[in-house]
Amino acid sequence: ISTVYEAQDDDLVKVSGTVMALCKKGFIIEDESAAILIYEDKVPTVKIGNKVTVTGSRDTYNEGAQISAVEEVVVTDDSETVPSYPEAIDLTTTVDTYTFSKSDYVKFKGEVNAGQYVNIYPEGTTKYISLYSQIQDMSAVDGGVITAYAYVVNKYQEKAFNVVLVSYEVEDFLAVKNKEVTVDAFATSAKFTVNSNVAWTVTTDAEWITSYTQSGENGAD
C-alpha cells in the first residue's frame, strides 16, 4: 500500500490488505506498510477482517491519498475476525501540531457535537476532528466526551482532520442541549432536551411549572 502514496494521481494501482474500518463512502485497508481509504461513494459490502485485493485509480482529496474509480474488489479471505490494530497516535493534545501525510491510526478524546456533521473537540485545542461519513449513529453521545480510535483520511482546510471511525468509549455524561428557553407569555409549554447515559432527576420549586419529565436513564425532552 505504501507504493500508492508514491504513485501519481490517475495511476492504475492494485493493492491487497485487511479491511480495518468502514464508512458510508468506502473502507480502510491496511497491510504491513500502510493504510489507505478505498473510496467507493457507497456503503461497502466488505466486512471488517476481510482480506481483499482492490484495483482502482490513485487519487487525492483534501490532501489525502485514496483509491477511487474502483474497478474491482475481490475478497480473498472472508474472515470477520477483528484484526490487530497498530499502536495509535494520540492526538488529544497534539492535534494542532499533527502533520498529516498518510492514513495514520489515531486516538483522541473530546466532546461530541453531533449536528449535520459529527465533530469531536479535544479540550484546549484550536483544531478539531470530524467523523468522515460515519456508519455509527452518534446522536446518543451528543454532548458527551468520548475516547475514539480512527484512521485519518484527509483534511478540512486548516481547521480539522477527517477520520474514519473504528471504535469509541464514552464517559458518564449529562448534557442539556438548550440551557435557556424564551417562553412567550401565552405559551403553554416549552422544551428542554437532555442527552445522557446515566440516571438523572429533575426538580423545581416553580409553582407555574405543572408537568414535566421528572427522571430518566438516557435522553429525554
N, C-alpha and C. Protein backbone atom coordinates (compact mmCIF):
# COMPACT_ATOMS: atom_id res chain seq x y z
N ILE A 1 0.83 -1.21 0.00
CA ILE A 1 0.00 0.00 0.00
C ILE A 1 0.86 1.25 0.00
N SER A 2 2.02 1.19 0.63
CA SER A 2 2.88 2.37 0.67
C SER A 2 3.24 2.86 -0.73
N THR A 3 3.26 1.95 -1.72
CA THR A 3 3.59 2.36 -3.09
C THR A 3 2.52 3.27 -3.70
N VAL A 4 1.29 3.17 -3.20
CA VAL A 4 0.22 4.04 -3.70
C VAL A 4 0.51 5.50 -3.35
N TYR A 5 1.08 5.73 -2.18
CA TYR A 5 1.42 7.09 -1.77
C TYR A 5 2.52 7.68 -2.65
N GLU A 6 3.34 6.82 -3.22
CA GLU A 6 4.42 7.27 -4.10
C GLU A 6 3.96 7.44 -5.54
N ALA A 7 2.79 6.90 -5.89
CA ALA A 7 2.28 6.97 -7.26
C ALA A 7 1.70 8.36 -7.55
N GLN A 8 1.37 8.59 -8.82
CA GLN A 8 0.75 9.84 -9.25
C GLN A 8 -0.76 9.68 -9.35
N ASP A 9 -1.49 10.78 -9.20
CA ASP A 9 -2.94 10.72 -9.39
C ASP A 9 -3.27 10.16 -10.76
N ASP A 10 -4.33 9.35 -10.82
CA ASP A 10 -4.84 8.68 -12.02
C ASP A 10 -4.03 7.45 -12.41
N ASP A 11 -2.94 7.15 -11.69
CA ASP A 11 -2.23 5.90 -11.94
C ASP A 11 -3.13 4.74 -11.54
N LEU A 12 -3.15 3.69 -12.37
CA LEU A 12 -3.88 2.48 -12.02
C LEU A 12 -3.06 1.70 -11.00
N VAL A 13 -3.68 1.35 -9.88
CA VAL A 13 -2.98 0.63 -8.82
C VAL A 13 -3.77 -0.61 -8.41
N LYS A 14 -3.05 -1.58 -7.87
CA LYS A 14 -3.67 -2.81 -7.37
C LYS A 14 -3.00 -3.16 -6.06
N VAL A 15 -3.78 -3.24 -5.00
CA VAL A 15 -3.22 -3.48 -3.67
C VAL A 15 -4.04 -4.53 -2.93
N SER A 16 -3.40 -5.14 -1.95
CA SER A 16 -4.08 -6.12 -1.11
C SER A 16 -3.90 -5.73 0.35
N GLY A 17 -4.89 -6.05 1.18
CA GLY A 17 -4.80 -5.74 2.59
C GLY A 17 -6.01 -6.24 3.35
N THR A 18 -6.04 -5.91 4.62
CA THR A 18 -7.13 -6.31 5.51
C THR A 18 -8.06 -5.13 5.73
N VAL A 19 -9.35 -5.36 5.71
CA VAL A 19 -10.33 -4.30 5.96
C VAL A 19 -10.32 -3.97 7.45
N MET A 20 -10.02 -2.69 7.75
CA MET A 20 -9.83 -2.26 9.14
C MET A 20 -10.96 -1.36 9.66
N ALA A 21 -11.65 -0.65 8.75
CA ALA A 21 -12.69 0.29 9.17
C ALA A 21 -13.63 0.52 7.99
N LEU A 22 -14.87 0.90 8.33
CA LEU A 22 -15.90 1.13 7.32
C LEU A 22 -16.53 2.51 7.49
N CYS A 23 -16.96 3.11 6.39
CA CYS A 23 -17.78 4.32 6.45
C CYS A 23 -18.79 4.25 5.32
N LYS A 24 -19.64 5.24 5.21
CA LYS A 24 -20.70 5.22 4.20
C LYS A 24 -20.19 5.46 2.79
N LYS A 25 -18.92 5.82 2.66
CA LYS A 25 -18.34 6.10 1.35
C LYS A 25 -17.30 5.08 0.92
N GLY A 26 -16.97 4.12 1.78
CA GLY A 26 -15.94 3.17 1.43
C GLY A 26 -15.36 2.49 2.65
N PHE A 27 -14.07 2.14 2.59
CA PHE A 27 -13.46 1.41 3.68
C PHE A 27 -11.95 1.62 3.69
N ILE A 28 -11.36 1.31 4.84
CA ILE A 28 -9.91 1.40 5.03
C ILE A 28 -9.32 0.00 4.93
N ILE A 29 -8.24 -0.14 4.14
CA ILE A 29 -7.48 -1.39 4.16
C ILE A 29 -6.06 -1.07 4.62
N GLU A 30 -5.42 -2.08 5.20
CA GLU A 30 -4.07 -1.90 5.71
C GLU A 30 -3.26 -3.17 5.45
N ASP A 31 -1.98 -2.98 5.13
CA ASP A 31 -1.04 -4.08 5.09
C ASP A 31 0.12 -3.74 6.02
N GLU A 32 1.23 -4.44 5.89
CA GLU A 32 2.34 -4.21 6.80
C GLU A 32 3.04 -2.88 6.57
N SER A 33 2.71 -2.20 5.46
CA SER A 33 3.42 -0.96 5.13
C SER A 33 2.62 0.31 5.38
N ALA A 34 1.29 0.25 5.24
CA ALA A 34 0.48 1.47 5.36
C ALA A 34 -1.00 1.11 5.30
N ALA A 35 -1.84 2.14 5.52
CA ALA A 35 -3.29 2.02 5.37
C ALA A 35 -3.75 3.09 4.39
N ILE A 36 -4.92 2.85 3.76
CA ILE A 36 -5.43 3.83 2.80
C ILE A 36 -6.95 3.67 2.67
N LEU A 37 -7.60 4.77 2.30
CA LEU A 37 -9.05 4.76 2.08
C LEU A 37 -9.36 4.26 0.67
N ILE A 38 -10.28 3.31 0.59
CA ILE A 38 -10.84 2.87 -0.69
C ILE A 38 -12.18 3.59 -0.84
N TYR A 39 -12.22 4.56 -1.75
CA TYR A 39 -13.41 5.42 -1.89
C TYR A 39 -14.31 4.85 -2.97
N GLU A 40 -15.50 4.35 -2.56
CA GLU A 40 -16.46 3.77 -3.50
C GLU A 40 -17.70 4.63 -3.69
N ASP A 41 -17.85 5.66 -2.83
CA ASP A 41 -19.04 6.52 -2.85
C ASP A 41 -20.31 5.72 -2.60
N LYS A 42 -20.22 4.71 -1.76
CA LYS A 42 -21.38 3.91 -1.37
C LYS A 42 -21.03 3.13 -0.11
N VAL A 43 -22.04 2.62 0.56
CA VAL A 43 -21.80 1.78 1.73
C VAL A 43 -21.14 0.48 1.26
N PRO A 44 -20.01 0.11 1.81
CA PRO A 44 -19.29 -1.07 1.32
C PRO A 44 -20.00 -2.37 1.68
N THR A 45 -19.72 -3.40 0.91
CA THR A 45 -20.25 -4.73 1.18
C THR A 45 -19.23 -5.60 1.91
N VAL A 46 -17.98 -5.18 1.93
CA VAL A 46 -16.96 -5.95 2.66
C VAL A 46 -17.17 -5.78 4.16
N LYS A 47 -16.55 -6.66 4.93
CA LYS A 47 -16.67 -6.64 6.39
C LYS A 47 -15.29 -6.44 7.01
N ILE A 48 -15.28 -5.87 8.20
CA ILE A 48 -14.02 -5.73 8.93
C ILE A 48 -13.42 -7.12 9.17
N GLY A 49 -12.16 -7.26 8.86
CA GLY A 49 -11.47 -8.54 8.98
C GLY A 49 -11.28 -9.24 7.65
N ASN A 50 -12.11 -8.89 6.64
CA ASN A 50 -11.94 -9.47 5.30
C ASN A 50 -10.56 -9.11 4.75
N LYS A 51 -9.98 -10.02 3.99
CA LYS A 51 -8.78 -9.72 3.22
C LYS A 51 -9.20 -9.52 1.77
N VAL A 52 -8.76 -8.42 1.18
CA VAL A 52 -9.25 -8.04 -0.14
C VAL A 52 -8.09 -7.62 -1.04
N THR A 53 -8.35 -7.70 -2.35
CA THR A 53 -7.47 -7.11 -3.36
C THR A 53 -8.29 -6.10 -4.13
N VAL A 54 -7.78 -4.87 -4.23
CA VAL A 54 -8.52 -3.76 -4.82
C VAL A 54 -7.75 -3.22 -6.02
N THR A 55 -8.48 -3.00 -7.13
CA THR A 55 -7.92 -2.35 -8.31
C THR A 55 -8.67 -1.05 -8.55
N GLY A 56 -7.93 0.03 -8.72
CA GLY A 56 -8.57 1.33 -8.94
C GLY A 56 -7.53 2.38 -9.26
N SER A 57 -7.93 3.64 -9.20
CA SER A 57 -7.05 4.75 -9.55
C SER A 57 -6.58 5.48 -8.30
N ARG A 58 -5.31 5.82 -8.29
CA ARG A 58 -4.77 6.64 -7.22
C ARG A 58 -5.35 8.04 -7.35
N ASP A 59 -5.80 8.60 -6.23
CA ASP A 59 -6.49 9.88 -6.25
C ASP A 59 -6.08 10.67 -5.01
N THR A 60 -6.32 11.98 -5.04
CA THR A 60 -6.08 12.83 -3.88
C THR A 60 -7.31 13.67 -3.61
N TYR A 61 -7.75 13.68 -2.36
CA TYR A 61 -8.90 14.51 -1.97
C TYR A 61 -8.56 15.20 -0.66
N ASN A 62 -8.62 16.53 -0.67
CA ASN A 62 -8.30 17.31 0.54
C ASN A 62 -6.96 16.88 1.15
N GLU A 63 -5.98 16.73 0.27
CA GLU A 63 -4.60 16.37 0.64
C GLU A 63 -4.44 14.94 1.11
N GLY A 64 -5.49 14.13 1.01
CA GLY A 64 -5.40 12.74 1.43
C GLY A 64 -5.38 11.80 0.24
N ALA A 65 -4.37 10.93 0.17
CA ALA A 65 -4.31 9.92 -0.88
C ALA A 65 -5.39 8.88 -0.65
N GLN A 66 -5.99 8.42 -1.74
CA GLN A 66 -7.02 7.39 -1.66
C GLN A 66 -7.06 6.63 -2.98
N ILE A 67 -7.77 5.53 -2.99
CA ILE A 67 -8.02 4.79 -4.22
C ILE A 67 -9.48 4.97 -4.57
N SER A 68 -9.75 5.56 -5.74
CA SER A 68 -11.12 5.78 -6.19
C SER A 68 -11.28 5.18 -7.59
N ALA A 69 -12.39 5.49 -8.25
CA ALA A 69 -12.69 4.87 -9.55
C ALA A 69 -12.40 3.37 -9.47
N VAL A 70 -12.93 2.75 -8.42
CA VAL A 70 -12.62 1.35 -8.13
C VAL A 70 -13.17 0.44 -9.22
N GLU A 71 -12.29 -0.35 -9.79
CA GLU A 71 -12.68 -1.28 -10.85
C GLU A 71 -13.09 -2.64 -10.31
N GLU A 72 -12.43 -3.06 -9.22
CA GLU A 72 -12.70 -4.40 -8.71
C GLU A 72 -12.28 -4.51 -7.26
N VAL A 73 -13.13 -5.15 -6.47
CA VAL A 73 -12.79 -5.53 -5.09
C VAL A 73 -13.01 -7.03 -4.98
N VAL A 74 -11.93 -7.77 -4.76
CA VAL A 74 -12.00 -9.22 -4.64
C VAL A 74 -11.72 -9.61 -3.20
N VAL A 75 -12.67 -10.29 -2.58
CA VAL A 75 -12.47 -10.80 -1.22
C VAL A 75 -11.71 -12.11 -1.32
N THR A 76 -10.47 -12.12 -0.84
CA THR A 76 -9.65 -13.33 -0.91
C THR A 76 -9.75 -14.18 0.35
N ASP A 77 -10.26 -13.60 1.43
CA ASP A 77 -10.47 -14.32 2.69
C ASP A 77 -11.62 -13.62 3.39
N ASP A 78 -12.73 -14.33 3.61
CA ASP A 78 -13.93 -13.69 4.17
C ASP A 78 -13.98 -13.77 5.70
N SER A 79 -12.85 -13.98 6.33
CA SER A 79 -12.81 -13.98 7.79
C SER A 79 -13.30 -12.63 8.32
N GLU A 80 -14.07 -12.67 9.40
CA GLU A 80 -14.53 -11.45 10.06
C GLU A 80 -13.94 -11.32 11.46
N THR A 81 -12.81 -11.99 11.66
CA THR A 81 -12.08 -11.86 12.92
C THR A 81 -11.56 -10.44 13.06
N VAL A 82 -11.81 -9.82 14.21
CA VAL A 82 -11.35 -8.44 14.41
C VAL A 82 -9.84 -8.40 14.27
N PRO A 83 -9.32 -7.57 13.37
CA PRO A 83 -7.87 -7.54 13.15
C PRO A 83 -7.12 -6.87 14.29
N SER A 84 -5.81 -7.07 14.31
CA SER A 84 -4.95 -6.37 15.28
C SER A 84 -4.65 -4.99 14.73
N TYR A 85 -4.89 -3.98 15.54
CA TYR A 85 -4.65 -2.61 15.12
C TYR A 85 -3.27 -2.16 15.58
N PRO A 86 -2.64 -1.27 14.82
CA PRO A 86 -1.33 -0.77 15.25
C PRO A 86 -1.46 0.13 16.47
N GLU A 87 -0.34 0.49 17.06
CA GLU A 87 -0.37 1.42 18.18
C GLU A 87 -0.87 2.77 17.68
N ALA A 88 -1.82 3.33 18.38
CA ALA A 88 -2.46 4.57 17.93
C ALA A 88 -1.63 5.79 18.31
N ILE A 89 -1.59 6.76 17.41
CA ILE A 89 -1.00 8.06 17.69
C ILE A 89 -2.05 8.88 18.45
N ASP A 90 -1.69 9.40 19.61
CA ASP A 90 -2.64 10.14 20.45
C ASP A 90 -2.67 11.61 20.01
N LEU A 91 -3.82 12.04 19.49
CA LEU A 91 -3.98 13.42 19.03
C LEU A 91 -4.68 14.31 20.04
N THR A 92 -4.98 13.80 21.21
CA THR A 92 -5.78 14.55 22.18
C THR A 92 -5.18 15.92 22.47
N THR A 93 -3.89 15.96 22.66
CA THR A 93 -3.24 17.24 22.97
C THR A 93 -2.33 17.72 21.85
N THR A 94 -2.20 16.93 20.78
CA THR A 94 -1.25 17.27 19.71
C THR A 94 -1.90 17.52 18.36
N VAL A 95 -3.24 17.58 18.33
CA VAL A 95 -3.91 17.72 17.03
C VAL A 95 -3.51 19.02 16.32
N ASP A 96 -3.20 20.06 17.07
CA ASP A 96 -2.82 21.33 16.45
C ASP A 96 -1.47 21.25 15.74
N THR A 97 -0.60 20.35 16.18
CA THR A 97 0.74 20.25 15.58
C THR A 97 0.91 19.00 14.74
N TYR A 98 -0.12 18.17 14.66
CA TYR A 98 -0.05 16.92 13.90
C TYR A 98 0.14 17.22 12.41
N THR A 99 1.08 16.52 11.79
CA THR A 99 1.33 16.67 10.36
C THR A 99 0.78 15.46 9.63
N PHE A 100 -0.21 15.69 8.78
CA PHE A 100 -0.87 14.60 8.07
C PHE A 100 -0.17 14.31 6.75
N SER A 101 0.21 13.04 6.54
CA SER A 101 0.80 12.65 5.27
C SER A 101 0.24 11.33 4.74
N LYS A 102 -0.34 10.54 5.63
CA LYS A 102 -0.93 9.26 5.23
C LYS A 102 -2.00 8.89 6.26
N SER A 103 -2.67 7.77 6.02
CA SER A 103 -3.79 7.37 6.88
C SER A 103 -3.28 6.71 8.16
N ASP A 104 -2.87 7.55 9.10
CA ASP A 104 -2.41 7.06 10.40
C ASP A 104 -3.59 6.56 11.23
N TYR A 105 -3.31 5.57 12.07
CA TYR A 105 -4.27 5.11 13.07
C TYR A 105 -4.07 5.96 14.31
N VAL A 106 -5.14 6.62 14.77
CA VAL A 106 -5.01 7.60 15.84
C VAL A 106 -6.07 7.37 16.91
N LYS A 107 -5.85 8.00 18.06
CA LYS A 107 -6.89 8.06 19.10
C LYS A 107 -6.97 9.50 19.58
N PHE A 108 -8.12 9.86 20.12
CA PHE A 108 -8.32 11.23 20.59
C PHE A 108 -9.49 11.24 21.55
N LYS A 109 -9.45 12.21 22.46
CA LYS A 109 -10.52 12.38 23.45
C LYS A 109 -11.08 13.78 23.33
N GLY A 110 -12.41 13.89 23.31
CA GLY A 110 -13.01 15.20 23.20
C GLY A 110 -14.52 15.15 23.29
N GLU A 111 -15.12 16.34 23.28
CA GLU A 111 -16.58 16.46 23.36
C GLU A 111 -17.21 16.32 21.99
N VAL A 112 -18.32 15.60 21.93
CA VAL A 112 -19.01 15.31 20.68
C VAL A 112 -20.04 16.39 20.38
N ASN A 113 -20.00 16.88 19.15
CA ASN A 113 -21.06 17.75 18.63
C ASN A 113 -21.65 17.05 17.42
N ALA A 114 -22.82 16.45 17.60
CA ALA A 114 -23.44 15.64 16.55
C ALA A 114 -24.54 16.43 15.86
N GLY A 115 -24.14 17.33 14.96
CA GLY A 115 -25.09 18.09 14.16
C GLY A 115 -25.16 17.50 12.77
N GLN A 116 -25.13 18.36 11.75
CA GLN A 116 -25.11 17.87 10.37
C GLN A 116 -23.89 16.98 10.16
N TYR A 117 -22.77 17.39 10.75
CA TYR A 117 -21.56 16.57 10.78
C TYR A 117 -21.25 16.25 12.24
N VAL A 118 -20.55 15.15 12.46
CA VAL A 118 -20.17 14.78 13.82
C VAL A 118 -18.72 15.21 14.03
N ASN A 119 -18.53 16.19 14.91
CA ASN A 119 -17.20 16.71 15.21
C ASN A 119 -16.85 16.44 16.66
N ILE A 120 -15.56 16.19 16.90
CA ILE A 120 -15.06 15.97 18.25
C ILE A 120 -14.04 17.06 18.55
N TYR A 121 -14.21 17.71 19.69
CA TYR A 121 -13.37 18.84 20.06
C TYR A 121 -12.52 18.49 21.28
N PRO A 122 -11.23 18.17 21.06
CA PRO A 122 -10.34 17.96 22.21
C PRO A 122 -10.20 19.25 23.03
N GLU A 123 -10.11 19.11 24.32
CA GLU A 123 -10.03 20.29 25.19
C GLU A 123 -8.72 21.04 24.97
N GLY A 124 -8.83 22.37 24.83
CA GLY A 124 -7.65 23.21 24.75
C GLY A 124 -6.97 23.26 23.41
N THR A 125 -7.62 22.78 22.34
CA THR A 125 -7.01 22.81 21.01
C THR A 125 -7.83 23.73 20.10
N THR A 126 -7.20 24.19 19.02
CA THR A 126 -7.92 25.02 18.05
C THR A 126 -8.49 24.19 16.91
N LYS A 127 -7.82 23.09 16.57
CA LYS A 127 -8.33 22.20 15.53
C LYS A 127 -9.24 21.15 16.15
N TYR A 128 -10.11 20.60 15.33
CA TYR A 128 -11.00 19.54 15.79
C TYR A 128 -10.92 18.35 14.85
N ILE A 129 -11.64 17.29 15.17
CA ILE A 129 -11.62 16.06 14.39
C ILE A 129 -13.05 15.76 13.96
N SER A 130 -13.23 15.49 12.67
CA SER A 130 -14.56 15.27 12.11
C SER A 130 -14.68 13.82 11.63
N LEU A 131 -15.78 13.17 11.97
CA LEU A 131 -16.00 11.80 11.54
C LEU A 131 -16.46 11.80 10.09
N TYR A 132 -15.76 11.08 9.26
CA TYR A 132 -15.99 11.07 7.82
C TYR A 132 -17.05 10.04 7.45
N SER A 133 -18.26 10.52 7.09
CA SER A 133 -19.34 9.65 6.62
C SER A 133 -19.50 8.42 7.51
N GLN A 134 -19.54 8.64 8.82
CA GLN A 134 -19.54 7.51 9.75
C GLN A 134 -20.82 6.69 9.63
N ILE A 135 -20.67 5.40 9.81
CA ILE A 135 -21.81 4.48 9.82
C ILE A 135 -22.50 4.51 11.18
N GLN A 136 -21.73 4.71 12.23
CA GLN A 136 -22.26 4.68 13.59
C GLN A 136 -23.18 5.87 13.86
N ASP A 137 -24.29 5.62 14.55
CA ASP A 137 -25.20 6.68 14.99
C ASP A 137 -24.63 7.30 16.26
N MET A 138 -24.23 8.56 16.20
CA MET A 138 -23.57 9.21 17.33
C MET A 138 -24.52 10.13 18.11
N SER A 139 -25.80 10.14 17.76
CA SER A 139 -26.74 11.06 18.41
C SER A 139 -26.86 10.79 19.90
N ALA A 140 -26.69 9.54 20.30
CA ALA A 140 -26.86 9.19 21.73
C ALA A 140 -25.72 9.72 22.58
N VAL A 141 -24.60 10.10 21.97
CA VAL A 141 -23.47 10.62 22.76
C VAL A 141 -23.23 12.10 22.47
N ASP A 142 -24.18 12.76 21.82
CA ASP A 142 -24.06 14.19 21.54
C ASP A 142 -23.95 14.95 22.85
N GLY A 143 -22.88 15.72 23.00
CA GLY A 143 -22.64 16.45 24.24
C GLY A 143 -21.77 15.71 25.23
N GLY A 144 -21.51 14.43 24.96
CA GLY A 144 -20.66 13.65 25.85
C GLY A 144 -19.20 13.71 25.44
N VAL A 145 -18.35 13.15 26.27
CA VAL A 145 -16.91 13.08 26.00
C VAL A 145 -16.56 11.63 25.68
N ILE A 146 -15.92 11.44 24.53
CA ILE A 146 -15.54 10.10 24.11
C ILE A 146 -14.03 10.01 23.89
N THR A 147 -13.52 8.80 23.99
CA THR A 147 -12.19 8.47 23.50
C THR A 147 -12.39 7.59 22.29
N ALA A 148 -11.91 8.04 21.13
CA ALA A 148 -12.19 7.37 19.87
C ALA A 148 -10.90 6.89 19.22
N TYR A 149 -11.05 5.84 18.40
CA TYR A 149 -9.96 5.29 17.60
C TYR A 149 -10.39 5.34 16.14
N ALA A 150 -9.49 5.77 15.26
CA ALA A 150 -9.89 6.02 13.88
C ALA A 150 -8.67 6.10 12.97
N TYR A 151 -8.94 6.13 11.67
CA TYR A 151 -7.89 6.36 10.67
C TYR A 151 -8.09 7.74 10.05
N VAL A 152 -7.04 8.54 10.02
CA VAL A 152 -7.09 9.85 9.37
C VAL A 152 -7.13 9.64 7.86
N VAL A 153 -8.04 10.35 7.15
CA VAL A 153 -8.13 10.16 5.70
C VAL A 153 -7.84 11.43 4.91
N ASN A 154 -8.17 12.61 5.46
CA ASN A 154 -7.88 13.86 4.77
C ASN A 154 -8.09 15.03 5.73
N LYS A 155 -7.94 16.24 5.19
CA LYS A 155 -8.05 17.45 6.00
C LYS A 155 -9.27 18.26 5.58
N TYR A 156 -9.75 19.09 6.50
CA TYR A 156 -10.75 20.09 6.16
C TYR A 156 -10.09 21.45 6.35
N GLN A 157 -9.66 22.04 5.23
CA GLN A 157 -8.91 23.29 5.26
C GLN A 157 -7.78 23.15 6.29
N GLU A 158 -7.59 24.17 7.11
CA GLU A 158 -6.61 24.06 8.19
C GLU A 158 -7.30 23.98 9.54
N LYS A 159 -8.59 23.57 9.50
CA LYS A 159 -9.40 23.57 10.72
C LYS A 159 -9.51 22.21 11.38
N ALA A 160 -9.49 21.14 10.57
CA ALA A 160 -9.83 19.83 11.13
C ALA A 160 -9.21 18.72 10.30
N PHE A 161 -9.21 17.53 10.90
CA PHE A 161 -8.84 16.31 10.20
C PHE A 161 -10.07 15.41 10.11
N ASN A 162 -10.30 14.83 8.95
CA ASN A 162 -11.39 13.89 8.76
C ASN A 162 -10.89 12.48 9.00
N VAL A 163 -11.67 11.70 9.75
CA VAL A 163 -11.23 10.35 10.12
C VAL A 163 -12.37 9.35 9.89
N VAL A 164 -11.99 8.11 9.61
CA VAL A 164 -12.94 7.00 9.56
C VAL A 164 -12.90 6.31 10.92
N LEU A 165 -14.04 6.32 11.59
CA LEU A 165 -14.12 5.82 12.97
C LEU A 165 -14.03 4.30 13.01
N VAL A 166 -13.25 3.80 13.97
CA VAL A 166 -13.18 2.36 14.22
C VAL A 166 -14.02 2.02 15.44
N SER A 167 -13.78 2.71 16.56
CA SER A 167 -14.50 2.42 17.80
C SER A 167 -14.39 3.62 18.72
N TYR A 168 -15.20 3.61 19.79
CA TYR A 168 -15.11 4.68 20.78
C TYR A 168 -15.64 4.20 22.12
N GLU A 169 -15.19 4.89 23.18
CA GLU A 169 -15.67 4.66 24.53
C GLU A 169 -16.20 5.99 25.03
N VAL A 170 -17.32 5.97 25.74
CA VAL A 170 -17.92 7.21 26.22
C VAL A 170 -17.88 7.27 27.74
N GLU A 171 -17.55 8.44 28.27
CA GLU A 171 -17.58 8.65 29.72
C GLU A 171 -19.02 8.92 30.16
N ASP A 172 -19.27 8.77 31.46
CA ASP A 172 -20.57 9.15 32.00
C ASP A 172 -20.79 10.64 31.75
N PHE A 173 -21.98 10.99 31.26
CA PHE A 173 -22.24 12.40 30.99
C PHE A 173 -23.72 12.71 31.07
N LEU A 174 -24.01 13.99 31.26
CA LEU A 174 -25.35 14.53 31.17
C LEU A 174 -25.24 15.91 30.53
N ALA A 175 -25.92 16.08 29.40
CA ALA A 175 -25.85 17.34 28.67
C ALA A 175 -27.25 17.87 28.41
N VAL A 176 -27.44 19.16 28.64
CA VAL A 176 -28.71 19.83 28.33
C VAL A 176 -28.48 20.66 27.07
N LYS A 177 -29.21 20.32 25.99
CA LYS A 177 -28.94 20.93 24.70
C LYS A 177 -29.29 22.41 24.67
N ASN A 178 -30.39 22.79 25.30
CA ASN A 178 -30.80 24.19 25.30
C ASN A 178 -30.95 24.65 26.75
N LYS A 179 -29.91 25.29 27.27
CA LYS A 179 -29.89 25.65 28.68
C LYS A 179 -30.81 26.83 29.01
N GLU A 180 -31.15 27.63 28.00
CA GLU A 180 -32.06 28.75 28.20
C GLU A 180 -33.15 28.70 27.13
N VAL A 181 -34.39 28.91 27.55
CA VAL A 181 -35.52 28.91 26.63
C VAL A 181 -36.35 30.16 26.88
N THR A 182 -36.64 30.90 25.83
CA THR A 182 -37.51 32.06 25.93
C THR A 182 -38.95 31.62 25.67
N VAL A 183 -39.83 31.91 26.60
CA VAL A 183 -41.22 31.44 26.53
C VAL A 183 -42.14 32.62 26.33
N ASP A 184 -42.99 32.57 25.31
CA ASP A 184 -43.99 33.60 25.08
C ASP A 184 -44.98 33.64 26.25
N ALA A 185 -45.50 34.81 26.53
CA ALA A 185 -46.41 34.98 27.67
C ALA A 185 -47.66 34.10 27.55
N PHE A 186 -48.05 33.77 26.33
CA PHE A 186 -49.27 32.98 26.12
C PHE A 186 -48.96 31.50 25.83
N ALA A 187 -47.70 31.12 25.88
CA ALA A 187 -47.32 29.74 25.60
C ALA A 187 -47.76 28.83 26.74
N THR A 188 -48.06 27.60 26.40
CA THR A 188 -48.47 26.62 27.42
C THR A 188 -47.40 25.57 27.67
N SER A 189 -46.33 25.58 26.87
CA SER A 189 -45.27 24.60 27.09
C SER A 189 -43.94 25.11 26.53
N ALA A 190 -42.87 24.52 27.00
CA ALA A 190 -41.53 24.79 26.49
C ALA A 190 -40.72 23.50 26.64
N LYS A 191 -39.67 23.36 25.84
CA LYS A 191 -38.95 22.08 25.82
C LYS A 191 -37.45 22.26 26.06
N PHE A 192 -36.94 21.47 26.99
CA PHE A 192 -35.50 21.29 27.18
C PHE A 192 -35.17 19.87 26.75
N THR A 193 -34.03 19.67 26.13
CA THR A 193 -33.62 18.35 25.70
C THR A 193 -32.41 17.89 26.50
N VAL A 194 -32.55 16.74 27.16
CA VAL A 194 -31.47 16.15 27.95
C VAL A 194 -30.90 14.97 27.19
N ASN A 195 -29.57 14.92 27.07
CA ASN A 195 -28.89 13.77 26.49
C ASN A 195 -27.95 13.22 27.55
N SER A 196 -28.04 11.91 27.83
CA SER A 196 -27.29 11.36 28.95
C SER A 196 -27.13 9.86 28.80
N ASN A 197 -26.14 9.30 29.47
CA ASN A 197 -26.03 7.84 29.58
C ASN A 197 -26.03 7.40 31.03
N VAL A 198 -26.51 8.28 31.92
CA VAL A 198 -26.63 7.97 33.34
C VAL A 198 -28.05 8.34 33.80
N ALA A 199 -28.43 7.83 34.96
CA ALA A 199 -29.74 8.16 35.52
C ALA A 199 -29.74 9.62 36.01
N TRP A 200 -30.88 10.29 35.84
CA TRP A 200 -30.97 11.69 36.25
C TRP A 200 -32.37 12.00 36.76
N THR A 201 -32.50 13.06 37.55
CA THR A 201 -33.79 13.54 38.05
C THR A 201 -33.87 15.04 37.87
N VAL A 202 -35.09 15.56 37.79
CA VAL A 202 -35.32 17.00 37.67
C VAL A 202 -36.26 17.42 38.79
N THR A 203 -35.91 18.49 39.47
CA THR A 203 -36.79 19.06 40.50
C THR A 203 -36.94 20.56 40.25
N THR A 204 -38.03 21.12 40.73
CA THR A 204 -38.26 22.57 40.60
C THR A 204 -39.13 23.05 41.74
N ASP A 205 -38.94 24.31 42.13
CA ASP A 205 -39.82 24.92 43.13
C ASP A 205 -40.70 25.99 42.50
N ALA A 206 -40.70 26.02 41.15
CA ALA A 206 -41.54 27.00 40.43
C ALA A 206 -42.97 26.46 40.34
N GLU A 207 -43.91 27.14 40.97
CA GLU A 207 -45.29 26.66 41.01
C GLU A 207 -45.96 26.69 39.65
N TRP A 208 -45.47 27.55 38.75
CA TRP A 208 -46.10 27.67 37.43
C TRP A 208 -45.71 26.52 36.49
N ILE A 209 -44.72 25.72 36.87
CA ILE A 209 -44.38 24.52 36.09
C ILE A 209 -45.20 23.37 36.66
N THR A 210 -46.14 22.89 35.89
CA THR A 210 -47.12 21.93 36.41
C THR A 210 -46.89 20.51 35.94
N SER A 211 -46.18 20.32 34.82
CA SER A 211 -45.98 18.97 34.30
C SER A 211 -44.65 18.91 33.57
N TYR A 212 -43.82 17.92 33.91
CA TYR A 212 -42.53 17.77 33.25
C TYR A 212 -41.99 16.37 33.48
N THR A 213 -41.06 15.96 32.64
CA THR A 213 -40.40 14.68 32.81
C THR A 213 -39.48 14.77 34.02
N GLN A 214 -39.70 13.94 35.01
CA GLN A 214 -39.01 14.10 36.29
C GLN A 214 -37.74 13.25 36.41
N SER A 215 -37.60 12.22 35.58
CA SER A 215 -36.40 11.38 35.68
C SER A 215 -36.23 10.58 34.41
N GLY A 216 -35.06 10.02 34.26
CA GLY A 216 -34.77 9.20 33.11
C GLY A 216 -33.42 8.54 33.23
N GLU A 217 -33.10 7.67 32.27
CA GLU A 217 -31.81 6.98 32.27
C GLU A 217 -31.02 7.27 31.02
N ASN A 218 -31.64 7.87 30.03
CA ASN A 218 -30.96 8.25 28.81
C ASN A 218 -31.43 9.64 28.43
N GLY A 219 -31.58 9.90 27.15
CA GLY A 219 -32.06 11.20 26.71
C GLY A 219 -33.56 11.31 26.84
N ALA A 220 -34.05 12.56 26.94
CA ALA A 220 -35.49 12.82 27.01
C ALA A 220 -35.74 14.29 26.76
N ASP A 221 -37.00 14.63 26.42
CA ASP A 221 -37.43 16.03 26.27
C ASP A 221 -38.24 16.43 27.49
